């Protein structure tokens, strides 16, 4: 979430970024990044640890899919990756 904060803050400022993130928490759960998540991520057959941590976060919150533009990085993920367009198509 801290990376997301910095992305929003770069364009909108720190106070707006905080407000935006707090607003998100009304309908989005933030997955924990704890010791078990790190251990799980390290056990995954993914070459990029950050991607593996995203899989661990998805698992922790019970996600059915990971939405990404880079599907190839999640080829070996136990949680299937879908493109943003596919995710939207599934929602609507």
Protein backbone atom coordinates (compact mmCIF):
# COMPACT_ATOMS: atom_id res chain seq x y z
CA UNK A 1 0.00 0.00 0.00
CA UNK A 2 2.92 2.34 0.60
CA UNK A 3 3.92 2.11 -3.06
CA UNK A 4 0.37 2.96 -4.06
CA UNK A 5 0.44 5.95 -1.71
CA UNK A 6 3.59 7.30 -3.38
CA UNK A 7 2.08 6.87 -6.85
CA UNK A 8 -1.03 8.82 -5.88
CA UNK A 9 0.91 11.41 -3.87
CA UNK A 10 3.15 12.21 -6.83
CA UNK A 11 0.17 13.50 -8.76
CA UNK A 12 -2.19 14.70 -6.04
CA UNK A 13 -0.13 15.44 -2.93
CA UNK A 14 0.22 13.62 0.37
CA UNK A 15 -3.02 14.72 2.01
CA UNK A 16 -5.11 13.76 -1.04
CA UNK A 17 -3.28 10.44 -1.28
CA UNK A 18 -4.09 9.64 2.36
CA UNK A 19 -7.72 10.59 1.87
CA UNK A 20 -7.93 8.48 -1.27
CA UNK A 21 -6.41 5.43 0.45
CA UNK A 22 -8.72 5.81 3.45
CA UNK A 23 -11.64 6.02 1.05
CA UNK A 24 -10.55 2.81 -0.61
CA UNK A 25 -10.61 0.99 2.71
CA UNK A 26 -14.38 1.44 2.80
CA UNK A 27 -14.74 -1.24 0.11
CA UNK A 28 -11.30 -2.81 -0.42
CA UNK A 29 -9.58 -5.11 2.06
CA UNK A 30 -5.82 -4.73 2.44
CA UNK A 31 -4.10 -8.10 2.50
CA UNK A 32 -1.55 -8.66 5.27
CA UNK A 33 2.15 -8.97 4.52
CA UNK A 34 3.29 -11.03 7.48
CA UNK A 35 5.87 -13.75 8.12
CA UNK A 36 3.61 -16.50 6.80
CA UNK A 37 3.01 -14.51 3.60
CA UNK A 38 6.75 -14.11 3.04
CA UNK A 39 7.34 -17.82 3.61
CA UNK A 40 4.53 -18.74 1.24
CA UNK A 41 5.81 -16.32 -1.41
CA UNK A 42 9.31 -17.75 -1.13
CA UNK A 43 7.95 -21.24 -1.77
CA UNK A 44 6.25 -20.28 -5.03
CA UNK A 45 7.79 -21.16 -8.42
CA UNK A 46 7.83 -17.53 -9.57
CA UNK A 47 11.05 -15.81 -10.62
CA UNK A 48 10.07 -12.37 -9.26
CA UNK A 49 9.64 -12.14 -5.48
CA UNK A 50 7.40 -9.08 -5.70
CA UNK A 51 5.04 -11.04 -7.95
CA UNK A 52 5.15 -13.91 -5.46
CA UNK A 53 4.23 -11.49 -2.65
CA UNK A 54 1.26 -10.35 -4.72
CA UNK A 55 0.16 -13.98 -5.04
CA UNK A 56 0.55 -14.37 -1.26
CA UNK A 57 -1.58 -11.25 -0.72
CA UNK A 58 -4.20 -12.54 -3.14
CA UNK A 59 -4.27 -15.85 -1.29
CA UNK A 60 -4.57 -14.10 2.09
CA UNK A 61 -7.66 -12.20 1.03
CA UNK A 62 -9.26 -15.10 -0.85
CA UNK A 63 -8.90 -13.59 -4.32
CA UNK A 64 -9.94 -15.74 -7.24
CA UNK A 65 -7.74 -13.90 -9.75
CA UNK A 66 -4.80 -11.54 -9.99
CA UNK A 67 -5.44 -8.65 -12.37
CA UNK A 68 -2.34 -7.64 -14.30
CA UNK A 69 -1.15 -6.47 -17.70
CA UNK A 70 1.81 -8.85 -17.41
CA UNK A 71 0.14 -12.26 -17.57
CA UNK A 72 3.35 -14.11 -18.41
CA UNK A 73 4.86 -13.34 -14.98
CA UNK A 74 2.03 -15.26 -13.33
CA UNK A 75 2.09 -18.27 -15.64
CA UNK A 76 3.09 -20.55 -12.75
CA UNK A 77 0.95 -18.84 -10.11
CA UNK A 78 -1.52 -20.99 -8.17
CA UNK A 79 -3.99 -18.10 -8.50
CA UNK A 80 -4.75 -17.43 -12.15
CA UNK A 81 -3.93 -14.03 -13.62
CA UNK A 82 -6.32 -12.20 -15.92
CA UNK A 83 -5.96 -9.01 -17.93
CA UNK A 84 -7.71 -5.84 -16.77
CA UNK A 85 -10.16 -6.16 -19.67
CA UNK A 86 -10.96 -9.78 -18.79
CA UNK A 87 -11.54 -8.77 -15.17
CA UNK A 88 -13.96 -6.05 -16.27
CA UNK A 89 -15.72 -8.45 -18.62
CA UNK A 90 -16.19 -10.88 -15.72
CA UNK A 91 -17.59 -8.16 -13.48
CA UNK A 92 -20.00 -6.71 -15.97
